[in-house]
Every structure is written in structure tokens, then in C-alpha cells.
């Protein structure tokens, strides 16, 4: 493959990853809003929705880190390894 095609494929993968994160975040916000409403509608009491909010929130944050931070880290590590291997020849 030529470099233009590789760049387009890579850009598409990055865009798909970002869309996947935004969909995950939207579903998280929608579902947790509904859970809070159900809790409120039921008269309050013990805020049981917090467990879902926190633990699913950890998953959303991890997804965001994997989407927005990890690819740059992987690219830097791959470039380091490439330069190291290239220097060993």
C-alpha cells in the first residue's frame, strides 16, 4: 500500500475510535440520567445509582484514555523501537 492509503486507513480507524467513545459517553449520560430520575421518582432514599455512576464512569474514563491518549503513546513507542532497530543494522 502507498503511504496515502495507509494514512487514510489510519485516519479512519482513529475517527471510528473517537465515534465509539462519544457513543459510549452519550449512552452513559442517558442511562445514568434515567437511573437518577428513577431514584428521584421513587422518593429518593439511599442513592443506589451512585454505584453504577462511579463504576461505569471508570470504564468511560478508561475508554477515553485509550482513545485520546494511548494512540499517541503507542506511536511514540513504536517510533523509538523503529529507530533503535534501525540503528542496530
N, C-alpha and C. Protein backbone atom coordinates (compact mmCIF):
# COMPACT_ATOMS: atom_id res chain seq x y z
N UNK A 1 0.84 -1.18 0.00
CA UNK A 1 0.00 0.00 0.00
C UNK A 1 0.89 1.25 0.00
N UNK A 2 0.40 2.27 -0.64
CA UNK A 2 1.16 3.51 -0.62
C UNK A 2 0.86 4.27 0.67
N UNK A 3 1.67 5.28 0.95
CA UNK A 3 1.54 5.99 2.22
C UNK A 3 0.21 6.75 2.33
N UNK A 4 -0.33 7.23 1.18
CA UNK A 4 -1.62 7.93 1.21
C UNK A 4 -2.73 7.00 1.67
N UNK A 5 -2.75 5.79 1.15
CA UNK A 5 -3.76 4.81 1.54
C UNK A 5 -3.61 4.43 3.00
N UNK A 6 -2.37 4.24 3.44
CA UNK A 6 -2.13 3.89 4.84
C UNK A 6 -2.60 5.01 5.77
N UNK A 7 -2.33 6.25 5.39
CA UNK A 7 -2.77 7.38 6.21
C UNK A 7 -4.29 7.46 6.27
N UNK A 8 -4.94 7.22 5.14
CA UNK A 8 -6.41 7.25 5.14
C UNK A 8 -6.99 6.14 6.02
N UNK A 9 -6.41 4.95 5.95
CA UNK A 9 -6.88 3.84 6.79
C UNK A 9 -6.67 4.15 8.27
N UNK A 10 -5.52 4.71 8.57
CA UNK A 10 -5.21 5.05 9.96
C UNK A 10 -6.15 6.15 10.45
N UNK A 11 -6.39 7.17 9.62
CA UNK A 11 -7.30 8.26 9.99
C UNK A 11 -8.70 7.72 10.21
N UNK A 12 -9.13 6.79 9.38
CA UNK A 12 -10.47 6.20 9.53
C UNK A 12 -10.57 5.44 10.86
N UNK A 13 -9.54 4.68 11.20
CA UNK A 13 -9.52 3.92 12.45
C UNK A 13 -9.60 4.87 13.64
N UNK A 14 -8.83 5.97 13.60
CA UNK A 14 -8.86 6.94 14.69
C UNK A 14 -10.24 7.57 14.81
N UNK A 15 -10.84 7.93 13.67
CA UNK A 15 -12.18 8.52 13.68
C UNK A 15 -13.20 7.54 14.25
N UNK A 16 -13.12 6.26 13.86
CA UNK A 16 -14.04 5.25 14.38
C UNK A 16 -13.87 5.09 15.89
N UNK A 17 -12.64 5.12 16.36
CA UNK A 17 -12.39 5.01 17.81
C UNK A 17 -13.02 6.19 18.55
N UNK A 18 -12.87 7.39 18.00
CA UNK A 18 -13.44 8.58 18.64
C UNK A 18 -14.97 8.52 18.64
N UNK A 19 -15.55 8.11 17.54
CA UNK A 19 -17.01 7.97 17.48
C UNK A 19 -17.48 6.94 18.50
N UNK A 20 -16.76 5.83 18.61
CA UNK A 20 -17.11 4.81 19.59
C UNK A 20 -17.09 5.36 21.00
N UNK A 21 -16.11 6.20 21.30
CA UNK A 21 -16.05 6.81 22.64
C UNK A 21 -17.23 7.75 22.85
N UNK A 22 -17.54 8.59 21.86
CA UNK A 22 -18.64 9.54 22.02
C UNK A 22 -19.98 8.83 22.17
N UNK A 23 -20.17 7.72 21.47
CA UNK A 23 -21.40 6.93 21.63
C UNK A 23 -21.46 6.35 23.04
N UNK A 24 -20.34 5.82 23.52
CA UNK A 24 -20.27 5.26 24.87
C UNK A 24 -20.61 6.33 25.90
N UNK A 25 -20.04 7.53 25.74
CA UNK A 25 -20.29 8.63 26.66
C UNK A 25 -21.76 9.04 26.63
N UNK A 26 -22.35 9.14 25.45
CA UNK A 26 -23.75 9.52 25.34
C UNK A 26 -24.66 8.50 26.01
N UNK A 27 -24.40 7.22 25.80
CA UNK A 27 -25.21 6.18 26.43
C UNK A 27 -25.05 6.23 27.95
N UNK A 28 -23.82 6.44 28.41
CA UNK A 28 -23.55 6.57 29.85
C UNK A 28 -24.38 7.71 30.45
N UNK A 29 -24.35 8.86 29.80
CA UNK A 29 -25.09 10.02 30.31
C UNK A 29 -26.60 9.78 30.28
N UNK A 30 -27.10 9.20 29.20
CA UNK A 30 -28.53 8.95 29.07
C UNK A 30 -29.01 7.94 30.12
N UNK A 31 -28.34 6.81 30.21
CA UNK A 31 -28.77 5.76 31.15
C UNK A 31 -28.67 6.24 32.59
N UNK A 32 -27.57 6.90 32.92
CA UNK A 32 -27.42 7.35 34.31
C UNK A 32 -28.40 8.47 34.65
N UNK A 33 -28.74 9.31 33.68
CA UNK A 33 -29.78 10.31 33.91
C UNK A 33 -31.10 9.63 34.22
N UNK A 34 -31.42 8.58 33.47
CA UNK A 34 -32.66 7.84 33.73
C UNK A 34 -32.62 7.16 35.09
N UNK A 35 -31.49 6.62 35.48
CA UNK A 35 -31.38 5.97 36.79
C UNK A 35 -31.57 6.99 37.91
N UNK A 36 -30.99 8.16 37.75
CA UNK A 36 -31.17 9.22 38.76
C UNK A 36 -32.64 9.63 38.82
N UNK A 37 -33.28 9.74 37.67
CA UNK A 37 -34.70 10.09 37.64
C UNK A 37 -35.53 9.01 38.34
N UNK A 38 -35.25 7.75 38.08
CA UNK A 38 -35.99 6.65 38.73
C UNK A 38 -35.79 6.72 40.23
N UNK A 39 -34.56 6.98 40.66
CA UNK A 39 -34.28 7.10 42.09
C UNK A 39 -35.08 8.26 42.70
N UNK A 40 -35.07 9.40 42.02
CA UNK A 40 -35.78 10.57 42.49
C UNK A 40 -37.29 10.33 42.51
N UNK A 41 -37.81 9.74 41.41
CA UNK A 41 -39.24 9.46 41.28
C UNK A 41 -39.70 8.48 42.36
N UNK A 42 -38.82 7.58 42.75
CA UNK A 42 -39.16 6.60 43.77
C UNK A 42 -39.07 7.14 45.18
N UNK A 43 -38.81 8.41 45.33
CA UNK A 43 -38.81 9.00 46.66
C UNK A 43 -37.44 9.22 47.25
N UNK A 44 -36.41 9.03 46.47
CA UNK A 44 -35.06 9.27 46.99
C UNK A 44 -34.58 8.10 47.81
N UNK A 45 -34.20 8.37 49.03
CA UNK A 45 -33.65 7.32 49.87
C UNK A 45 -32.18 7.12 49.57
N UNK A 46 -31.73 5.91 49.78
CA UNK A 46 -30.32 5.61 49.55
C UNK A 46 -29.98 5.81 48.07
N UNK A 47 -28.95 6.57 47.76
CA UNK A 47 -28.60 6.86 46.36
C UNK A 47 -27.88 5.69 45.68
N UNK A 48 -28.60 4.63 45.41
CA UNK A 48 -28.03 3.41 44.83
C UNK A 48 -27.45 3.62 43.44
N UNK A 49 -27.93 4.64 42.73
CA UNK A 49 -27.44 4.89 41.37
C UNK A 49 -25.96 5.27 41.35
N UNK A 50 -25.43 5.70 42.50
CA UNK A 50 -24.03 6.14 42.56
C UNK A 50 -23.08 4.98 42.20
N UNK A 51 -23.44 3.76 42.56
CA UNK A 51 -22.58 2.62 42.23
C UNK A 51 -22.42 2.46 40.73
N UNK A 52 -23.52 2.54 40.02
CA UNK A 52 -23.49 2.44 38.56
C UNK A 52 -22.72 3.63 37.99
N UNK A 53 -23.02 4.81 38.49
CA UNK A 53 -22.38 6.04 38.03
C UNK A 53 -20.86 5.97 38.16
N UNK A 54 -20.38 5.53 39.31
CA UNK A 54 -18.93 5.50 39.56
C UNK A 54 -18.25 4.40 38.76
N UNK A 55 -18.74 3.18 38.85
CA UNK A 55 -18.02 2.08 38.21
C UNK A 55 -18.10 2.15 36.69
N UNK A 56 -19.23 2.52 36.16
CA UNK A 56 -19.34 2.69 34.71
C UNK A 56 -18.52 3.91 34.29
N UNK A 57 -18.49 4.93 35.15
CA UNK A 57 -17.69 6.12 34.89
C UNK A 57 -16.21 5.78 34.76
N UNK A 58 -15.73 4.86 35.57
CA UNK A 58 -14.34 4.40 35.46
C UNK A 58 -14.11 3.80 34.08
N UNK A 59 -15.07 3.03 33.61
CA UNK A 59 -14.96 2.44 32.27
C UNK A 59 -14.95 3.49 31.17
N UNK A 60 -15.78 4.53 31.33
CA UNK A 60 -15.83 5.60 30.33
C UNK A 60 -14.49 6.35 30.32
N UNK A 61 -13.95 6.63 31.49
CA UNK A 61 -12.65 7.31 31.56
C UNK A 61 -11.56 6.45 30.92
N UNK A 62 -11.56 5.16 31.21
CA UNK A 62 -10.57 4.26 30.60
C UNK A 62 -10.72 4.24 29.08
N UNK A 63 -11.95 4.24 28.60
CA UNK A 63 -12.20 4.27 27.17
C UNK A 63 -11.66 5.57 26.57
N UNK A 64 -11.86 6.69 27.26
CA UNK A 64 -11.35 7.97 26.80
C UNK A 64 -9.84 8.01 26.77
N UNK A 65 -9.20 7.47 27.79
CA UNK A 65 -7.74 7.41 27.81
C UNK A 65 -7.23 6.56 26.65
N UNK A 66 -7.86 5.43 26.43
CA UNK A 66 -7.46 4.56 25.33
C UNK A 66 -7.67 5.18 23.97
N UNK A 67 -8.67 6.05 23.88
CA UNK A 67 -8.99 6.69 22.60
C UNK A 67 -8.13 7.91 22.33
N UNK A 68 -7.94 8.75 23.33
CA UNK A 68 -7.30 10.04 23.10
C UNK A 68 -5.84 10.12 23.53
N UNK A 69 -5.41 9.31 24.47
CA UNK A 69 -4.04 9.41 24.98
C UNK A 69 -3.17 8.25 24.51
N UNK A 70 -3.66 7.05 24.62
CA UNK A 70 -2.88 5.86 24.31
C UNK A 70 -2.36 5.81 22.88
N UNK A 71 -3.13 6.20 21.85
CA UNK A 71 -2.59 6.11 20.49
C UNK A 71 -1.32 6.93 20.30
N UNK A 72 -1.26 8.10 20.92
CA UNK A 72 -0.06 8.94 20.81
C UNK A 72 1.12 8.27 21.51
N UNK A 73 0.85 7.67 22.65
CA UNK A 73 1.89 6.95 23.39
C UNK A 73 2.40 5.77 22.57
N UNK A 74 1.49 5.03 21.96
CA UNK A 74 1.87 3.89 21.13
C UNK A 74 2.70 4.33 19.94
N UNK A 75 2.31 5.43 19.31
CA UNK A 75 3.08 5.95 18.17
C UNK A 75 4.50 6.31 18.59
N UNK A 76 4.64 6.98 19.74
CA UNK A 76 5.98 7.36 20.22
C UNK A 76 6.82 6.13 20.53
N UNK A 77 6.22 5.13 21.17
CA UNK A 77 6.97 3.91 21.50
C UNK A 77 7.38 3.17 20.22
N UNK A 78 6.48 3.10 19.26
CA UNK A 78 6.79 2.43 18.00
C UNK A 78 7.92 3.15 17.28
N UNK A 79 7.91 4.47 17.28
CA UNK A 79 8.98 5.24 16.63
C UNK A 79 10.31 5.01 17.33
N UNK A 80 10.31 4.97 18.66
CA UNK A 80 11.55 4.67 19.41
C UNK A 80 12.10 3.31 19.03
N UNK A 81 11.22 2.32 18.99
CA UNK A 81 11.65 0.96 18.65
C UNK A 81 12.16 0.90 17.22
N UNK A 82 11.49 1.59 16.33
CA UNK A 82 11.93 1.63 14.93
C UNK A 82 13.33 2.22 14.83
N UNK A 83 13.56 3.33 15.50
CA UNK A 83 14.87 3.97 15.46
C UNK A 83 15.93 3.08 16.11
N UNK A 84 15.57 2.40 17.19
CA UNK A 84 16.51 1.50 17.85
C UNK A 84 16.89 0.34 16.93
N UNK A 85 15.89 -0.26 16.31
CA UNK A 85 16.14 -1.37 15.40
C UNK A 85 16.92 -0.92 14.16
N UNK A 86 16.59 0.24 13.68
CA UNK A 86 17.29 0.78 12.51
C UNK A 86 18.77 1.03 12.83
N UNK A 87 19.04 1.46 14.04
CA UNK A 87 20.43 1.72 14.46
C UNK A 87 21.24 0.46 14.69
N UNK A 88 20.57 -0.69 14.85
CA UNK A 88 21.28 -1.95 15.10
C UNK A 88 21.82 -2.58 13.83
N UNK A 89 21.39 -2.11 12.69
CA UNK A 89 21.84 -2.72 11.44
C UNK A 89 23.28 -2.49 11.21
